[in-house]
Amino acid sequence: MIDIIREKLRAYGAENRLEEEAATKEILQEIALYGLWKADFFETAVFQGGTSLRIIHGLPRFSEDLEFMLLAPDRDFDWSPYLRQLLETFEVFGIKSEARLKGAMDRRIRAAVIKDSSIVGQLELGFADRRPDRKINIKLEIDVEPPAHSQDAWTLLDFPRDYEVRHQDLSSNFALKIHALLCRGFLKGRDWYDFSWYVSKGVSPNLPHLRAALMQYGPWSDHTNLMVDDAWLEMEFRRKIGSVNWSDARSDVHRFLRPDDLKSLELWSERFFLAKLEKLIASLRLSAP
């Protein structure tokens, strides 16, 4: 079974160790999704976040974590039975891994991590730096108290086998990306890369879902009369864009891109993202009833 993974890795055409490591991690992420499908996980949860954009929609950057949200709130959610299925699935493909819960069970975001130290040695990867026992970590996070009004869809995938993934639609996923951009307490250049990608694709955010997320967590959580519309978005994004250190933002996203995509980062500036914002707001106003 390891030959399937080896063939998939060759198809990436990795040009350096960083790309090779990212591609290997993405392959393990896809095997994890297949394992979750086998465990009927997508009957109760949906795939969302940057990795869903990468795997489902072809976002041209690598991503680190597998992020999910429940279809309905459940404070009793536990990763444990799904982790057992994941380990069994990895073993079928010749990968011996370990899994553990991460963080307190009373948190809204429940995390788990899968650690693998077998695939590096089996594939003789260059990025291992002659350390065949080097671990690759796959982090899983799920929101057990998801904001309301999310929409989802199903997509068929075919690696490592045929299976189906339930995921947020692009509009709802964009809404949560905007929530992260406006509410996250630290700079994450990947958020701005994804924002630019959404705008270039002509995606409009699911505004009811965004408002529900803002009311649940962030600086607007106590604003019961919050009106989230194009005017509000334009005002808040102008303020946010003006506060970003774009050099730091470029540095954050740099390692997730292939060499051919790095040149465009030179455009990143307040002027560049204000132009993106104007395009988004114009699209929202055109589509307004």
C-alpha atoms as a PDB file:
ATOM      1  CA  MET A   1       0.000   0.000   0.000  1.00  0.00           C
ATOM      2  CA  ILE A   2       2.924   2.364   0.571  1.00  0.00           C
ATOM      3  CA  ASP A   3       3.453   2.361  -3.225  1.00  0.00           C
ATOM      4  CA  ILE A   4       0.160   4.277  -3.617  1.00  0.00           C
ATOM      5  CA  ILE A   5       1.548   6.995  -1.380  1.00  0.00           C
ATOM      6  CA  ARG A   6       4.895   6.998  -3.159  1.00  0.00           C
ATOM      7  CA  GLU A   7       3.181   7.431  -6.532  1.00  0.00           C
ATOM      8  CA  LYS A   8       0.992  10.242  -5.216  1.00  0.00           C
ATOM      9  CA  LEU A   9       4.037  12.041  -3.839  1.00  0.00           C
ATOM     10  CA  ARG A  10       5.849  11.813  -7.175  1.00  0.00           C
ATOM     11  CA  ALA A  11       2.871  13.486  -8.860  1.00  0.00           C
ATOM     12  CA  TYR A  12       3.449  16.629  -6.781  1.00  0.00           C
ATOM     13  CA  GLY A  13       6.808  17.202  -8.442  1.00  0.00           C
ATOM     14  CA  ALA A  14       8.203  18.755  -5.247  1.00  0.00           C
ATOM     15  CA  GLU A  15      11.125  21.059  -6.040  1.00  0.00           C
ATOM     16  CA  ASN A  16      12.606  21.362  -2.557  1.00  0.00           C
ATOM     17  CA  ARG A  17      12.465  19.845   0.912  1.00  0.00           C
ATOM     18  CA  LEU A  18       9.812  22.273   2.122  1.00  0.00           C
ATOM     19  CA  GLU A  19       7.457  21.318  -0.709  1.00  0.00           C
ATOM     20  CA  GLU A  20       8.182  17.631  -0.189  1.00  0.00           C
ATOM     21  CA  GLU A  21       7.271  17.852   3.482  1.00  0.00           C
ATOM     22  CA  ALA A  22       4.089  19.822   2.755  1.00  0.00           C
ATOM     23  CA  ALA A  23       3.057  17.347   0.051  1.00  0.00           C
ATOM     24  CA  THR A  24       3.657  14.385   2.370  1.00  0.00           C
ATOM     25  CA  LYS A  25       1.549  16.001   5.073  1.00  0.00           C
ATOM     26  CA  GLU A  26      -1.242  16.680   2.577  1.00  0.00           C
ATOM     27  CA  ILE A  27      -1.231  13.038   1.494  1.00  0.00           C
ATOM     28  CA  LEU A  28      -1.665  11.990   5.128  1.00  0.00           C
ATOM     29  CA  GLN A  29      -4.464  14.548   5.499  1.00  0.00           C
ATOM     30  CA  GLU A  30      -6.317  12.958   2.590  1.00  0.00           C
ATOM     31  CA  ILE A  31      -5.912   9.499   4.098  1.00  0.00           C
ATOM     32  CA  ALA A  32      -7.282  10.904   7.362  1.00  0.00           C
ATOM     33  CA  LEU A  33     -10.333  12.284   5.547  1.00  0.00           C
ATOM     34  CA  TYR A  34     -10.908   8.877   3.999  1.00  0.00           C
ATOM     35  CA  GLY A  35     -10.700   7.294   7.460  1.00  0.00           C
ATOM     36  CA  LEU A  36     -13.189   9.780   8.861  1.00  0.00           C
ATOM     37  CA  TRP A  37     -15.585   9.025   6.016  1.00  0.00           C
ATOM     38  CA  LYS A  38     -15.314   5.315   6.799  1.00  0.00           C
ATOM     39  CA  ALA A  39     -16.258   6.147  10.389  1.00  0.00           C
ATOM     40  CA  ASP A  40     -19.402   8.070   9.219  1.00  0.00           C
ATOM     41  CA  PHE A  41     -17.929  11.258  10.671  1.00  0.00           C
ATOM     42  CA  PHE A  42     -19.469  13.386   7.921  1.00  0.00           C
ATOM     43  CA  GLU A  43     -22.959  12.468   9.041  1.00  0.00           C
ATOM     44  CA  THR A  44     -22.419  14.774  12.022  1.00  0.00           C
ATOM     45  CA  ALA A  45     -19.694  17.203  10.919  1.00  0.00           C
ATOM     46  CA  VAL A  46     -18.429  19.194   7.947  1.00  0.00           C
ATOM     47  CA  PHE A  47     -14.938  19.907   6.662  1.00  0.00           C
ATOM     48  CA  GLN A  48     -13.993  23.607   6.606  1.00  0.00           C
ATOM     49  CA  GLY A  49     -11.028  25.973   6.703  1.00  0.00           C
ATOM     50  CA  GLY A  50      -7.931  26.362   4.550  1.00  0.00           C
ATOM     51  CA  THR A  51      -7.238  22.668   4.020  1.00  0.00           C
ATOM     52  CA  SER A  52     -10.766  22.152   2.711  1.00  0.00           C
ATOM     53  CA  LEU A  53     -10.142  24.918   0.188  1.00  0.00           C
ATOM     54  CA  ARG A  54      -6.895  23.231  -0.820  1.00  0.00           C
ATOM     55  CA  ILE A  55      -8.250  19.686  -1.198  1.00  0.00           C
ATOM     56  CA  ILE A  56     -11.798  20.416  -2.392  1.00  0.00           C
ATOM     57  CA  HIS A  57     -11.344  23.612  -4.399  1.00  0.00           C
ATOM     58  CA  GLY A  58      -7.680  23.648  -5.439  1.00  0.00           C
ATOM     59  CA  LEU A  59      -6.470  26.601  -3.379  1.00  0.00           C
ATOM     60  CA  PRO A  60      -2.848  27.060  -4.549  1.00  0.00           C
ATOM     61  CA  ARG A  61      -1.238  26.933  -1.131  1.00  0.00           C
ATOM     62  CA  PHE A  62      -0.505  24.166   1.328  1.00  0.00           C
ATOM     63  CA  SER A  63      -2.294  24.116   4.682  1.00  0.00           C
ATOM     64  CA  GLU A  64      -1.447  22.713   8.113  1.00  0.00           C
ATOM     65  CA  ASP A  65      -4.537  21.474   9.951  1.00  0.00           C
ATOM     66  CA  LEU A  66      -7.779  19.629   9.294  1.00  0.00           C
ATOM     67  CA  GLU A  67     -10.635  21.803  10.573  1.00  0.00           C
ATOM     68  CA  PHE A  68     -14.240  20.754  11.039  1.00  0.00           C
ATOM     69  CA  MET A  69     -17.461  21.945  12.610  1.00  0.00           C
ATOM     70  CA  LEU A  70     -20.407  19.972  13.901  1.00  0.00           C
ATOM     71  CA  LEU A  71     -23.724  20.241  12.105  1.00  0.00           C
ATOM     72  CA  ALA A  72     -25.378  20.913  15.455  1.00  0.00           C
ATOM     73  CA  PRO A  73     -23.918  21.877  18.853  1.00  0.00           C
ATOM     74  CA  ASP A  74     -22.776  18.958  21.003  1.00  0.00           C
ATOM     75  CA  ARG A  75     -20.721  19.672  24.113  1.00  0.00           C
ATOM     76  CA  ASP A  76     -20.251  15.917  24.610  1.00  0.00           C
ATOM     77  CA  PHE A  77     -18.406  15.375  21.327  1.00  0.00           C
ATOM     78  CA  ASP A  78     -15.356  13.141  21.712  1.00  0.00           C
ATOM     79  CA  TRP A  79     -12.665  12.457  19.103  1.00  0.00           C
ATOM     80  CA  SER A  80     -11.712   9.095  20.631  1.00  0.00           C
ATOM     81  CA  PRO A  81     -13.830   6.672  18.532  1.00  0.00           C
ATOM     82  CA  TYR A  82     -12.847   8.463  15.331  1.00  0.00           C
ATOM     83  CA  LEU A  83      -9.161   8.361  16.226  1.00  0.00           C
ATOM     84  CA  ARG A  84      -9.357   4.577  16.537  1.00  0.00           C
ATOM     85  CA  GLN A  85     -10.740   4.357  13.009  1.00  0.00           C
ATOM     86  CA  LEU A  86      -8.073   6.726  11.734  1.00  0.00           C
ATOM     87  CA  LEU A  87      -5.255   4.626  13.166  1.00  0.00           C
ATOM     88  CA  GLU A  88      -6.745   1.496  11.605  1.00  0.00           C
ATOM     89  CA  THR A  89      -6.999   3.252   8.239  1.00  0.00           C
ATOM     90  CA  PHE A  90      -3.409   4.469   8.354  1.00  0.00           C
ATOM     91  CA  GLU A  91      -2.245   0.956   9.202  1.00  0.00           C
ATOM     92  CA  VAL A  92      -3.976  -0.418   6.090  1.00  0.00           C
ATOM     93  CA  PHE A  93      -1.714   1.860   4.063  1.00  0.00           C
ATOM     94  CA  GLY A  94       1.408   0.735   5.898  1.00  0.00           C
ATOM     95  CA  ILE A  95       1.596   3.734   8.211  1.00  0.00           C
ATOM     96  CA  LYS A  96       2.028   3.143  11.931  1.00  0.00           C
ATOM     97  CA  SER A  97       0.810   6.196  13.803  1.00  0.00           C
ATOM     98  CA  GLU A  98      -0.236   7.286  17.256  1.00  0.00           C
ATOM     99  CA  ALA A  99      -3.060   9.609  18.229  1.00  0.00           C
ATOM    100  CA  ARG A 100      -3.981  11.630  21.265  1.00  0.00           C
ATOM    101  CA  LEU A 101      -6.458  14.251  22.380  1.00  0.00           C
ATOM    102  CA  LYS A 102      -5.093  17.751  22.748  1.00  0.00           C
ATOM    103  CA  GLY A 103      -6.415  20.334  25.168  1.00  0.00           C
ATOM    104  CA  ALA A 104      -9.247  20.381  27.682  1.00  0.00           C
ATOM    105  CA  MET A 105     -12.561  18.728  26.814  1.00  0.00           C
ATOM    106  CA  ASP A 106     -14.578  21.751  27.975  1.00  0.00           C
ATOM    107  CA  ARG A 107     -13.263  23.972  25.196  1.00  0.00           C
ATOM    108  CA  ARG A 108     -15.413  24.973  22.234  1.00  0.00           C
ATOM    109  CA  ILE A 109     -12.658  23.867  19.857  1.00  0.00           C
ATOM    110  CA  ARG A 110     -11.745  20.210  20.479  1.00  0.00           C
ATOM    111  CA  ALA A 111      -8.374  19.174  19.102  1.00  0.00           C
ATOM    112  CA  ALA A 112      -6.557  15.932  18.489  1.00  0.00           C
ATOM    113  CA  VAL A 113      -3.246  15.106  16.853  1.00  0.00           C
ATOM    114  CA  ILE A 114      -2.010  12.150  14.834  1.00  0.00           C
ATOM    115  CA  LYS A 115       1.748  11.600  14.899  1.00  0.00           C
ATOM    116  CA  ASP A 116       3.488   9.433  12.349  1.00  0.00           C
ATOM    117  CA  SER A 117       7.155   8.463  12.398  1.00  0.00           C
ATOM    118  CA  SER A 118       7.028   5.614   9.875  1.00  0.00           C
ATOM    119  CA  ILE A 119       6.352   7.229   6.509  1.00  0.00           C
ATOM    120  CA  VAL A 120       9.547   9.303   6.387  1.00  0.00           C
ATOM    121  CA  GLY A 121      11.776   6.245   6.573  1.00  0.00           C
ATOM    122  CA  GLN A 122       9.640   4.211   4.188  1.00  0.00           C
ATOM    123  CA  LEU A 123       9.671   6.866   1.482  1.00  0.00           C
ATOM    124  CA  GLU A 124      13.287   7.943   2.064  1.00  0.00           C
ATOM    125  CA  LEU A 125      12.235  11.571   1.982  1.00  0.00           C
ATOM    126  CA  GLY A 126      14.854  14.225   1.448  1.00  0.00           C
ATOM    127  CA  PHE A 127      13.386  16.577   4.029  1.00  0.00           C
ATOM    128  CA  ALA A 128      14.043  14.029   6.784  1.00  0.00           C
ATOM    129  CA  ASP A 129      17.668  15.236   7.055  1.00  0.00           C
ATOM    130  CA  ARG A 130      18.828  11.652   7.563  1.00  0.00           C
ATOM    131  CA  ARG A 131      16.376  11.232  10.446  1.00  0.00           C
ATOM    132  CA  PRO A 132      14.082   8.382   9.375  1.00  0.00           C
ATOM    133  CA  ASP A 133      12.230   8.598  12.699  1.00  0.00           C
ATOM    134  CA  ARG A 134      11.166  12.206  12.132  1.00  0.00           C
ATOM    135  CA  LYS A 135       7.484  12.706  12.950  1.00  0.00           C
ATOM    136  CA  ILE A 136       4.823  14.306  10.795  1.00  0.00           C
ATOM    137  CA  ASN A 137       1.906  15.680  12.801  1.00  0.00           C
ATOM    138  CA  ILE A 138      -1.655  15.960  11.546  1.00  0.00           C
ATOM    139  CA  LYS A 139      -3.775  18.180  13.774  1.00  0.00           C
ATOM    140  CA  LEU A 140      -7.561  17.886  13.806  1.00  0.00           C
ATOM    141  CA  GLU A 141      -9.809  20.603  15.240  1.00  0.00           C
ATOM    142  CA  ILE A 142     -13.587  20.707  15.516  1.00  0.00           C
ATOM    143  CA  ASP A 143     -15.953  23.453  16.634  1.00  0.00           C
ATOM    144  CA  VAL A 144     -18.533  21.776  18.900  1.00  0.00           C
ATOM    145  CA  GLU A 145     -20.641  24.958  19.156  1.00  0.00           C
ATOM    146  CA  PRO A 146     -20.789  26.096  15.521  1.00  0.00           C
ATOM    147  CA  PRO A 147     -22.352  29.426  14.520  1.00  0.00           C
ATOM    148  CA  ALA A 148     -25.736  29.208  12.834  1.00  0.00           C
ATOM    149  CA  HIS A 149     -26.684  29.539   9.144  1.00  0.00           C
ATOM    150  CA  SER A 150     -23.823  27.530   7.629  1.00  0.00           C
ATOM    151  CA  GLN A 151     -24.479  25.817   4.301  1.00  0.00           C
ATOM    152  CA  ASP A 152     -22.715  22.689   3.081  1.00  0.00           C
ATOM    153  CA  ALA A 153     -22.206  20.372   0.124  1.00  0.00           C
ATOM    154  CA  TRP A 154     -20.828  16.914  -0.664  1.00  0.00           C
ATOM    155  CA  THR A 155     -17.812  16.293  -2.917  1.00  0.00           C
ATOM    156  CA  LEU A 156     -16.475  12.982  -4.232  1.00  0.00           C
ATOM    157  CA  LEU A 157     -12.738  12.373  -3.880  1.00  0.00           C
ATOM    158  CA  ASP A 158     -10.640   9.483  -5.191  1.00  0.00           C
ATOM    159  CA  PHE A 159      -7.443   9.308  -3.129  1.00  0.00           C
ATOM    160  CA  PRO A 160      -6.577   7.001  -1.471  1.00  0.00           C
ATOM    161  CA  ARG A 161      -9.888   5.350  -2.445  1.00  0.00           C
ATOM    162  CA  ASP A 162     -13.239   6.635  -3.686  1.00  0.00           C
ATOM    163  CA  TYR A 163     -15.092   8.415  -0.894  1.00  0.00           C
ATOM    164  CA  GLU A 164     -17.204  11.487  -0.178  1.00  0.00           C
ATOM    165  CA  VAL A 165     -16.638  14.502   2.050  1.00  0.00           C
ATOM    166  CA  ARG A 166     -19.223  16.856   3.460  1.00  0.00           C
ATOM    167  CA  HIS A 167     -17.855  20.395   3.610  1.00  0.00           C
ATOM    168  CA  GLN A 168     -18.922  23.994   4.033  1.00  0.00           C
ATOM    169  CA  ASP A 169     -19.857  25.720   0.808  1.00  0.00           C
ATOM    170  CA  LEU A 170     -17.514  28.485  -0.337  1.00  0.00           C
ATOM    171  CA  SER A 171     -19.817  31.283   0.823  1.00  0.00           C
ATOM    172  CA  SER A 172     -19.994  29.950   4.396  1.00  0.00           C
ATOM    173  CA  ASN A 173     -16.283  29.159   4.477  1.00  0.00           C
ATOM    174  CA  PHE A 174     -15.550  32.714   3.308  1.00  0.00           C
ATOM    175  CA  ALA A 175     -17.726  34.053   6.125  1.00  0.00           C
ATOM    176  CA  LEU A 176     -15.588  32.278   8.723  1.00  0.00           C
ATOM    177  CA  LYS A 177     -12.402  33.474   7.025  1.00  0.00           C
ATOM    178  CA  ILE A 178     -13.660  37.053   7.353  1.00  0.00           C
ATOM    179  CA  HIS A 179     -14.458  36.352  11.004  1.00  0.00           C
ATOM    180  CA  ALA A 180     -10.865  35.171  11.503  1.00  0.00           C
ATOM    181  CA  LEU A 181      -9.433  38.221   9.741  1.00  0.00           C
ATOM    182  CA  LEU A 182     -11.430  40.630  11.880  1.00  0.00           C
ATOM    183  CA  CYS A 183     -11.279  38.779  15.204  1.00  0.00           C
ATOM    184  CA  ARG A 184      -8.014  36.856  15.332  1.00  0.00           C
ATOM    185  CA  GLY A 185      -5.661  38.343  17.911  1.00  0.00           C
ATOM    186  CA  PHE A 186      -2.537  37.831  15.820  1.00  0.00           C
ATOM    187  CA  LEU A 187      -1.479  38.248  12.196  1.00  0.00           C
ATOM    188  CA  LYS A 188      -1.778  35.231   9.924  1.00  0.00           C
ATOM    189  CA  GLY A 189      -0.737  35.955   6.352  1.00  0.00           C
ATOM    190  CA  ARG A 190      -2.505  32.814   5.155  1.00  0.00           C
ATOM    191  CA  ASP A 191      -5.822  34.471   6.049  1.00  0.00           C
ATOM    192  CA  TRP A 192      -5.062  37.348   3.707  1.00  0.00           C
ATOM    193  CA  TYR A 193      -3.936  34.978   0.947  1.00  0.00           C
ATOM    194  CA  ASP A 194      -7.255  33.140   1.227  1.00  0.00           C
ATOM    195  CA  PHE A 195      -9.183  36.431   1.277  1.00  0.00           C
ATOM    196  CA  SER A 196      -7.527  37.443  -1.999  1.00  0.00           C
ATOM    197  CA  TRP A 197      -8.328  34.019  -3.489  1.00  0.00           C
ATOM    198  CA  TYR A 198     -12.015  34.208  -2.519  1.00  0.00           C
ATOM    199  CA  VAL A 199     -12.345  37.659  -4.087  1.00  0.00           C
ATOM    200  CA  SER A 200     -10.612  36.529  -7.286  1.00  0.00           C
ATOM    201  CA  LYS A 201     -13.127  33.668  -7.512  1.00  0.00           C
ATOM    202  CA  GLY A 202     -16.091  36.044  -7.141  1.00  0.00           C
ATOM    203  CA  VAL A 203     -17.291  34.397  -3.912  1.00  0.00           C
ATOM    204  CA  SER A 204     -19.673  36.385  -1.713  1.00  0.00           C
ATOM    205  CA  PRO A 205     -19.656  35.645   2.028  1.00  0.00           C
ATOM    206  CA  ASN A 206     -22.625  34.118   3.805  1.00  0.00           C
ATOM    207  CA  LEU A 207     -23.477  37.230   5.835  1.00  0.00           C
ATOM    208  CA  PRO A 208     -25.995  35.604   8.243  1.00  0.00           C
ATOM    209  CA  HIS A 209     -23.342  32.993   9.098  1.00  0.00           C
ATOM    210  CA  LEU A 210     -20.726  35.722   9.561  1.00  0.00           C
ATOM    211  CA  ARG A 211     -23.022  37.683  11.875  1.00  0.00           C
ATOM    212  CA  ALA A 212     -23.738  34.548  13.931  1.00  0.00           C
ATOM    213  CA  ALA A 213     -19.985  33.939  14.288  1.00  0.00           C
ATOM    214  CA  LEU A 214     -19.329  37.562  15.265  1.00  0.00           C
ATOM    215  CA  MET A 215     -22.078  37.437  17.868  1.00  0.00           C
ATOM    216  CA  GLN A 216     -20.626  34.229  19.277  1.00  0.00           C
ATOM    217  CA  TYR A 217     -16.980  35.242  19.591  1.00  0.00           C
ATOM    218  CA  GLY A 218     -14.911  38.384  19.097  1.00  0.00           C
ATOM    219  CA  PRO A 219     -15.055  42.110  19.847  1.00  0.00           C
ATOM    220  CA  TRP A 220     -18.665  42.400  18.588  1.00  0.00           C
ATOM    221  CA  SER A 221     -20.075  39.558  20.690  1.00  0.00           C
ATOM    222  CA  ASP A 222     -21.982  41.950  22.972  1.00  0.00           C
ATOM    223  CA  HIS A 223     -23.413  44.048  20.103  1.00  0.00           C
ATOM    224  CA  THR A 224     -26.942  42.658  19.984  1.00  0.00           C
ATOM    225  CA  ASN A 225     -28.017  45.080  17.246  1.00  0.00           C
ATOM    226  CA  LEU A 226     -25.037  44.398  14.975  1.00  0.00           C
ATOM    227  CA  MET A 227     -25.886  44.974  11.317  1.00  0.00           C
ATOM    228  CA  VAL A 228     -23.499  43.043   9.054  1.00  0.00           C
ATOM    229  CA  ASP A 229     -23.850  44.385   5.529  1.00  0.00           C
ATOM    230  CA  ASP A 230     -21.622  45.729   2.760  1.00  0.00           C
ATOM    231  CA  ALA A 231     -21.209  49.116   4.455  1.00  0.00           C
ATOM    232  CA  TRP A 232     -20.167  47.523   7.755  1.00  0.00           C
ATOM    233  CA  LEU A 233     -17.734  45.175   6.004  1.00  0.00           C
ATOM    234  CA  GLU A 234     -16.143  48.029   4.074  1.00  0.00           C
ATOM    235  CA  MET A 235     -15.677  50.127   7.210  1.00  0.00           C
ATOM    236  CA  GLU A 236     -14.175  47.327   9.302  1.00  0.00           C
ATOM    237  CA  PHE A 237     -11.936  46.002   6.543  1.00  0.00           C
ATOM    238  CA  ARG A 238     -10.547  49.442   5.751  1.00  0.00           C
ATOM    239  CA  ARG A 239      -9.618  49.786   9.394  1.00  0.00           C
ATOM    240  CA  LYS A 240      -8.075  46.315   9.500  1.00  0.00           C
ATOM    241  CA  ILE A 241      -6.134  46.638   6.243  1.00  0.00           C
ATOM    242  CA  GLY A 242      -4.626  49.899   7.451  1.00  0.00           C
ATOM    243  CA  SER A 243      -3.270  48.193  10.579  1.00  0.00           C
ATOM    244  CA  VAL A 244      -1.472  45.221   8.968  1.00  0.00           C
ATOM    245  CA  ASN A 245       2.292  44.885   8.677  1.00  0.00           C
ATOM    246  CA  TRP A 246       2.389  43.492   5.144  1.00  0.00           C
ATOM    247  CA  SER A 247       6.015  42.412   5.361  1.00  0.00           C
ATOM    248  CA  ASP A 248       5.119  40.146   8.291  1.00  0.00           C
ATOM    249  CA  ALA A 249       2.054  38.874   6.411  1.00  0.00           C
ATOM    250  CA  ARG A 250       4.185  37.903   3.414  1.00  0.00           C
ATOM    251  CA  SER A 251       6.652  36.097   5.659  1.00  0.00           C
ATOM    252  CA  ASP A 252       3.915  33.994   7.232  1.00  0.00           C
ATOM    253  CA  VAL A 253       2.485  32.678   3.968  1.00  0.00           C
ATOM    254  CA  HIS A 254       5.784  32.299   2.096  1.00  0.00           C
ATOM    255  CA  ARG A 255       6.490  28.689   3.148  1.00  0.00           C
ATOM    256  CA  PHE A 256       3.051  27.492   2.038  1.00  0.00           C
ATOM    257  CA  LEU A 257       3.494  28.529  -1.605  1.00  0.00           C
ATOM    258  CA  ARG A 258       5.344  26.993  -4.507  1.00  0.00           C
ATOM    259  CA  PRO A 259       8.210  29.026  -6.036  1.00  0.00           C
ATOM    260  CA  ASP A 260       6.158  30.076  -9.075  1.00  0.00           C
ATOM    261  CA  ASP A 261       3.575  31.735  -6.825  1.00  0.00           C
ATOM    262  CA  LEU A 262       5.939  33.805  -4.686  1.00  0.00           C
ATOM    263  CA  LYS A 263       6.305  36.746  -7.056  1.00  0.00           C
ATOM    264  CA  SER A 264       2.727  37.891  -6.459  1.00  0.00           C
ATOM    265  CA  LEU A 265       3.473  38.420  -2.767  1.00  0.00           C
ATOM    266  CA  GLU A 266       5.476  41.491  -3.773  1.00  0.00           C
ATOM    267  CA  LEU A 267       2.144  43.170  -4.526  1.00  0.00           C
ATOM    268  CA  TRP A 268       0.924  42.817  -0.970  1.00  0.00           C
ATOM    269  CA  SER A 269       0.332  46.274   0.462  1.00  0.00           C
ATOM    270  CA  GLU A 270      -2.467  48.428   1.791  1.00  0.00           C
ATOM    271  CA  ARG A 271      -3.223  49.572  -1.773  1.00  0.00           C
ATOM    272  CA  PHE A 272      -3.416  45.992  -3.057  1.00  0.00           C
ATOM    273  CA  PHE A 273      -5.880  44.803  -0.421  1.00  0.00           C
ATOM    274  CA  LEU A 274      -7.993  47.943  -0.614  1.00  0.00           C
ATOM    275  CA  ALA A 275      -8.402  47.155  -4.315  1.00  0.00           C
ATOM    276  CA  LYS A 276      -9.463  43.607  -3.378  1.00  0.00           C
ATOM    277  CA  LEU A 277     -11.910  45.040  -0.859  1.00  0.00           C
ATOM    278  CA  GLU A 278     -13.420  47.385  -3.432  1.00  0.00           C
ATOM    279  CA  LYS A 279     -13.973  44.448  -5.772  1.00  0.00           C
ATOM    280  CA  LEU A 280     -15.694  42.468  -3.007  1.00  0.00           C
ATOM    281  CA  ILE A 281     -17.954  45.348  -1.967  1.00  0.00           C
ATOM    282  CA  ALA A 282     -18.913  46.086  -5.572  1.00  0.00           C
ATOM    283  CA  SER A 283     -19.875  42.438  -6.026  1.00  0.00           C
ATOM    284  CA  LEU A 284     -21.967  42.451  -2.851  1.00  0.00           C
ATOM    285  CA  ARG A 285     -23.833  45.572  -3.938  1.00  0.00           C
ATOM    286  CA  LEU A 286     -24.525  44.163  -7.389  1.00  0.00           C
ATOM    287  CA  SER A 287     -25.979  40.985  -5.910  1.00  0.00           C
ATOM    288  CA  ALA A 288     -28.055  42.763  -3.235  1.00  0.00           C
ATOM    289  CA  PRO A 289     -31.856  42.439  -3.732  1.00  0.00           C
END
